[in-house]
Amino acid sequence: MKTVNALELRQSLGKVVKILEKTGEPVLLERGRKPVAVLISLRDYQERFVESAAAEARNRILKDMDDLAIASVDATPATKILRELRG
């Protein structure tokens, strides 16, 4: 993982972004030799945050739908009921 300090980032943001695009590896940002942030590629961001948030939302909706589903008290097969209605 490449490490840059805040001054280097300000002076050569374009260069750092090109490295990030080329390698896809996160870039660690330091201030005063202490890690303070991480720059990640857009692809990594989408995979880790956007897509996972959407998957969580889908799972919540599916769970809510399952919770709302009412079990049928009649065990008669649907085909039999349809035949009776047609006949």
Protein backbone atom coordinates (compact mmCIF):
# COMPACT_ATOMS: atom_id res chain seq x y z
CA MET A 1 0.00 0.00 0.00
CA LYS A 2 1.37 3.38 -1.00
CA THR A 3 1.63 5.98 1.76
CA VAL A 4 1.53 9.73 1.17
CA ASN A 5 1.56 12.66 3.54
CA ALA A 6 -0.83 15.58 3.35
CA LEU A 7 1.74 17.90 1.76
CA GLU A 8 2.61 15.38 -0.95
CA LEU A 9 -1.08 14.86 -1.63
CA ARG A 10 -1.69 18.60 -2.03
CA GLN A 11 1.30 18.99 -4.32
CA SER A 12 0.66 15.97 -6.53
CA LEU A 13 -2.95 14.90 -6.27
CA GLY A 14 -3.08 14.02 -9.97
CA LYS A 15 -0.08 11.72 -9.65
CA VAL A 16 -1.56 9.98 -6.61
CA VAL A 17 -4.87 9.50 -8.39
CA LYS A 18 -3.11 8.01 -11.42
CA ILE A 19 -1.28 5.54 -9.18
CA LEU A 20 -4.57 4.65 -7.50
CA GLU A 21 -6.26 4.08 -10.87
CA LYS A 22 -3.33 2.05 -12.22
CA THR A 23 -2.72 -0.24 -9.25
CA GLY A 24 -6.15 -0.24 -7.62
CA GLU A 25 -4.42 -0.44 -4.25
CA PRO A 26 -5.59 1.87 -1.46
CA VAL A 27 -3.43 4.89 -0.66
CA LEU A 28 -2.78 5.63 3.01
CA LEU A 29 -2.81 9.33 3.90
CA GLU A 30 -0.71 10.42 6.85
CA ARG A 31 -0.53 13.66 8.76
CA GLY A 32 2.45 14.06 11.04
CA ARG A 33 3.43 10.41 10.41
CA LYS A 34 0.07 9.23 11.75
CA PRO A 35 -2.45 7.52 9.45
CA VAL A 36 -5.57 9.67 9.11
CA ALA A 37 -7.37 8.45 5.97
CA VAL A 38 -7.36 6.00 3.10
CA LEU A 39 -8.07 6.74 -0.55
CA ILE A 40 -9.70 3.86 -2.41
CA SER A 41 -10.73 3.39 -6.03
CA LEU A 42 -14.29 4.04 -7.12
CA ARG A 43 -14.70 0.33 -7.90
CA ASP A 44 -13.67 -0.63 -4.37
CA TYR A 45 -15.99 1.98 -2.92
CA GLN A 46 -18.94 0.69 -4.92
CA GLU A 47 -18.22 -2.94 -4.07
CA ARG A 48 -17.69 -2.34 -0.37
CA PHE A 49 -20.22 0.36 0.42
CA VAL A 50 -22.80 1.02 -2.28
CA GLU A 51 -23.49 -2.58 -3.29
CA SER A 52 -23.39 -3.88 0.27
CA ALA A 53 -25.82 -1.15 1.39
CA ALA A 54 -28.18 -2.08 -1.46
CA ALA A 55 -27.91 -5.77 -0.56
CA GLU A 56 -28.72 -4.98 3.07
CA ALA A 57 -31.76 -2.95 1.97
CA ARG A 58 -32.95 -5.83 -0.25
CA ASN A 59 -32.53 -8.28 2.62
CA ARG A 60 -34.52 -6.02 4.96
CA ILE A 61 -37.32 -5.75 2.40
CA LEU A 62 -37.40 -9.52 1.90
CA LYS A 63 -37.49 -10.07 5.65
CA ASP A 64 -40.34 -7.57 5.99
CA MET A 65 -42.23 -9.36 3.22
CA ASP A 66 -41.73 -12.70 4.94
CA ASP A 67 -42.95 -11.22 8.21
CA LEU A 68 -46.09 -9.92 6.50
CA ALA A 69 -46.86 -13.18 4.71
CA ILE A 70 -49.90 -14.97 6.09
CA ALA A 71 -49.95 -18.75 6.02
CA SER A 72 -53.00 -20.25 4.34
CA VAL A 73 -55.32 -22.20 6.64
CA ASP A 74 -56.63 -24.23 3.71
CA ALA A 75 -54.22 -26.96 2.54
CA THR A 76 -56.23 -27.65 -0.64
CA PRO A 77 -54.00 -27.46 -3.72
CA ALA A 78 -54.59 -24.44 -5.93
CA THR A 79 -55.26 -26.64 -8.97
CA LYS A 80 -58.16 -28.34 -7.21
CA ILE A 81 -59.67 -25.00 -6.20
CA LEU A 82 -59.39 -23.70 -9.76
CA ARG A 83 -61.08 -26.82 -11.15
CA GLU A 84 -63.94 -26.40 -8.70
CA LEU A 85 -64.35 -22.74 -9.64
CA ARG A 86 -64.41 -23.57 -13.36
CA GLY A 87 -66.75 -26.51 -12.98
